[in-house]
C-alpha atoms as a PDB file:
ATOM      1  CA  MET A   1     109.976 117.508  88.845  1.00  0.00           C
ATOM      2  CA  PRO A   2     109.552 116.310  92.367  1.00  0.00           C
ATOM      3  CA  ASN A   3     112.488 114.573  94.047  1.00  0.00           C
ATOM      4  CA  ALA A   4     112.710 111.031  95.282  1.00  0.00           C
ATOM      5  CA  ARG A   5     111.372 111.756  98.703  1.00  0.00           C
ATOM      6  CA  VAL A   6     108.179 113.376  97.425  1.00  0.00           C
ATOM      7  CA  LEU A   7     107.686 110.529  94.919  1.00  0.00           C
ATOM      8  CA  ARG A   8     108.012 108.043  97.671  1.00  0.00           C
ATOM      9  CA  ASP A   9     105.425 109.937  99.766  1.00  0.00           C
ATOM     10  CA  ILE A  10     103.117 109.992  96.799  1.00  0.00           C
ATOM     11  CA  LYS A  11     103.440 106.241  96.487  1.00  0.00           C
ATOM     12  CA  ALA A  12     102.923 105.658 100.062  1.00  0.00           C
ATOM     13  CA  ARG A  13      99.773 107.771 100.181  1.00  0.00           C
ATOM     14  CA  HIS A  14      98.329 105.857  97.116  1.00  0.00           C
ATOM     15  CA  GLY A  15      99.200 102.538  98.736  1.00  0.00           C
ATOM     16  CA  VAL A  16      97.350 103.503 102.038  1.00  0.00           C
ATOM     17  CA  ASN A  17      94.329 104.581 100.118  1.00  0.00           C
ATOM     18  CA  THR A  18      93.975 101.378  98.124  1.00  0.00           C
ATOM     19  CA  ASN A  19      94.406  99.051 101.014  1.00  0.00           C
ATOM     20  CA  GLU A  20      92.712 101.014 103.821  1.00  0.00           C
ATOM     21  CA  ILE A  21      89.320  99.259 103.853  1.00  0.00           C
ATOM     22  CA  LEU A  22      90.761  95.723 103.696  1.00  0.00           C
ATOM     23  CA  ARG A  23      93.525  96.481 106.177  1.00  0.00           C
ATOM     24  CA  ARG A  24      91.026  97.945 108.748  1.00  0.00           C
ATOM     25  CA  ALA A  25      88.768  94.832 108.302  1.00  0.00           C
ATOM     26  CA  TYR A  26      91.680  92.589 109.227  1.00  0.00           C
ATOM     27  CA  LEU A  27      92.703  94.745 112.023  1.00  0.00           C
ATOM     28  CA  TYR A  28      89.144  94.542 113.467  1.00  0.00           C
ATOM     29  CA  VAL A  29      89.163  90.717 113.189  1.00  0.00           C
ATOM     30  CA  ALA A  30      92.623  90.416 114.666  1.00  0.00           C
ATOM     31  CA  ARG A  31      91.835  92.608 117.747  1.00  0.00           C
ATOM     32  CA  ASN A  32      88.251  91.197 118.356  1.00  0.00           C
ATOM     33  CA  GLN A  33      88.640  89.146 121.523  1.00  0.00           C
ATOM     34  CA  THR A  34      85.268  87.493 121.039  1.00  0.00           C
ATOM     35  CA  LEU A  35      86.447  85.555 118.056  1.00  0.00           C
ATOM     36  CA  PRO A  36      88.294  82.323 118.125  1.00  0.00           C
ATOM     37  CA  ALA A  37      92.073  82.414 118.306  1.00  0.00           C
ATOM     38  CA  GLN A  38      92.749  80.634 115.018  1.00  0.00           C
ATOM     39  CA  VAL A  39      90.573  83.266 113.083  1.00  0.00           C
ATOM     40  CA  ARG A  40      92.476  86.116 114.818  1.00  0.00           C
ATOM     41  CA  PHE A  41      95.671  84.443 113.952  1.00  0.00           C
ATOM     42  CA  GLN A  42      94.703  84.129 110.193  1.00  0.00           C
ATOM     43  CA  ALA A  43      93.640  87.671 110.117  1.00  0.00           C
ATOM     44  CA  GLN A  44      97.214  88.646 111.584  1.00  0.00           C
ATOM     45  CA  LEU A  45      98.929  86.610 108.941  1.00  0.00           C
ATOM     46  CA  GLN A  46      96.846  88.398 106.242  1.00  0.00           C
ATOM     47  CA  LEU A  47      97.851  91.745 107.753  1.00  0.00           C
ATOM     48  CA  ASN A  48     101.486  90.686 107.564  1.00  0.00           C
ATOM     49  CA  THR A  49     101.274  90.095 103.649  1.00  0.00           C
ATOM     50  CA  PHE A  50     100.514  93.689 103.036  1.00  0.00           C
ATOM     51  CA  GLY A  51     103.396  95.771 101.510  1.00  0.00           C
ATOM     52  CA  ARG A  52     105.467  98.464 103.043  1.00  0.00           C
ATOM     53  CA  TYR A  53     103.416 101.327 101.736  1.00  0.00           C
ATOM     54  CA  ALA A  54      99.926  99.811 103.025  1.00  0.00           C
ATOM     55  CA  ARG A  55     100.645 101.119 106.516  1.00  0.00           C
ATOM     56  CA  PRO A  56      99.513 104.761 107.319  1.00  0.00           C
ATOM     57  CA  THR A  57     102.641 105.341 109.413  1.00  0.00           C
ATOM     58  CA  THR A  58     104.768 105.456 106.226  1.00  0.00           C
ATOM     59  CA  VAL A  59     102.983 108.610 105.008  1.00  0.00           C
ATOM     60  CA  LYS A  60     104.887 111.807 105.996  1.00  0.00           C
ATOM     61  CA  ASN A  61     103.862 115.309 105.015  1.00  0.00           C
ATOM     62  CA  ARG A  62     106.643 116.672 102.853  1.00  0.00           C
ATOM     63  CA  CYS A  63     107.066 120.017 100.989  1.00  0.00           C
ATOM     64  CA  THR A  64     105.899 119.571  97.441  1.00  0.00           C
ATOM     65  CA  GLU A  65     108.696 121.883  96.134  1.00  0.00           C
ATOM     66  CA  THR A  66     111.841 120.692  98.115  1.00  0.00           C
ATOM     67  CA  GLY A  67     110.798 117.434  99.803  1.00  0.00           C
ATOM     68  CA  ARG A  68     111.612 118.866 103.209  1.00  0.00           C
ATOM     69  CA  GLY A  69     109.992 116.871 105.918  1.00  0.00           C
ATOM     70  CA  ARG A  70     109.774 119.510 108.656  1.00  0.00           C
ATOM     71  CA  GLY A  71     107.962 122.754 109.190  1.00  0.00           C
ATOM     72  CA  ILE A  72     105.215 121.925 106.765  1.00  0.00           C
ATOM     73  CA  ILE A  73     102.195 124.208 106.487  1.00  0.00           C
ATOM     74  CA  GLY A  74      99.493 121.566 105.777  1.00  0.00           C
ATOM     75  CA  GLU A  75      97.011 123.610 103.924  1.00  0.00           C
ATOM     76  CA  PHE A  76      99.499 124.562 101.119  1.00  0.00           C
ATOM     77  CA  GLY A  77     101.834 121.634 101.350  1.00  0.00           C
ATOM     78  CA  LEU A  78     104.883 123.667 101.564  1.00  0.00           C
ATOM     79  CA  SER A  79     107.740 124.154 104.043  1.00  0.00           C
ATOM     80  CA  ARG A  80     107.776 127.336 105.930  1.00  0.00           C
ATOM     81  CA  TYR A  81     110.533 128.848 103.880  1.00  0.00           C
ATOM     82  CA  GLN A  82     108.963 127.871 100.658  1.00  0.00           C
ATOM     83  CA  PHE A  83     105.616 129.311 101.865  1.00  0.00           C
ATOM     84  CA  ARG A  84     107.396 132.552 102.694  1.00  0.00           C
ATOM     85  CA  LEU A  85     108.995 132.882  99.282  1.00  0.00           C
ATOM     86  CA  LYS A  86     105.826 132.120  97.500  1.00  0.00           C
ATOM     87  CA  ALA A  87     103.691 134.434  99.642  1.00  0.00           C
ATOM     88  CA  LEU A  88     106.205 137.374  99.082  1.00  0.00           C
ATOM     89  CA  ALA A  89     106.017 136.747  95.309  1.00  0.00           C
ATOM     90  CA  LYS A  90     102.236 136.766  95.456  1.00  0.00           C
ATOM     91  CA  GLU A  91     102.015 133.198  94.041  1.00  0.00           C
ATOM     92  CA  LEU A  92      99.630 132.104  96.850  1.00  0.00           C
ATOM     93  CA  PRO A  93      96.073 133.438  96.514  1.00  0.00           C
ATOM     94  CA  GLY A  94      94.699 135.092  99.508  1.00  0.00           C
ATOM     95  CA  VAL A  95      97.999 135.186 101.339  1.00  0.00           C
ATOM     96  CA  HIS A  96      99.747 138.428 101.897  1.00  0.00           C
ATOM     97  CA  LYS A  97     102.433 139.779 104.469  1.00  0.00           C
ATOM     98  CA  ALA A  98     100.822 140.926 107.703  1.00  0.00           C
ATOM     99  CA  SER A  99     101.614 144.468 108.921  1.00  0.00           C
ATOM    100  CA  TRP A 100     100.250 146.273 111.985  1.00  0.00           C
END
């Protein structure tokens, strides 16, 4: 079972995906200098009503096995240590230890 950090990251990714289009529309309106200030201000207020997990900056790549937030190999979603363990155990298809 994934730990709390991984679950939080999954929740953040889901929140960003569900709110992305609406959030980008409000951002476009809020940053458009040709629109009246009142309209831009209303768009900014709408942006402030989004929850914590609607912002893309809350998403962090984490190891799916341990929840570690550093040294993640993105293609596999594993930390470098877990990647090494799984590669040596031949649990990752197409990955094997290099020798030259």
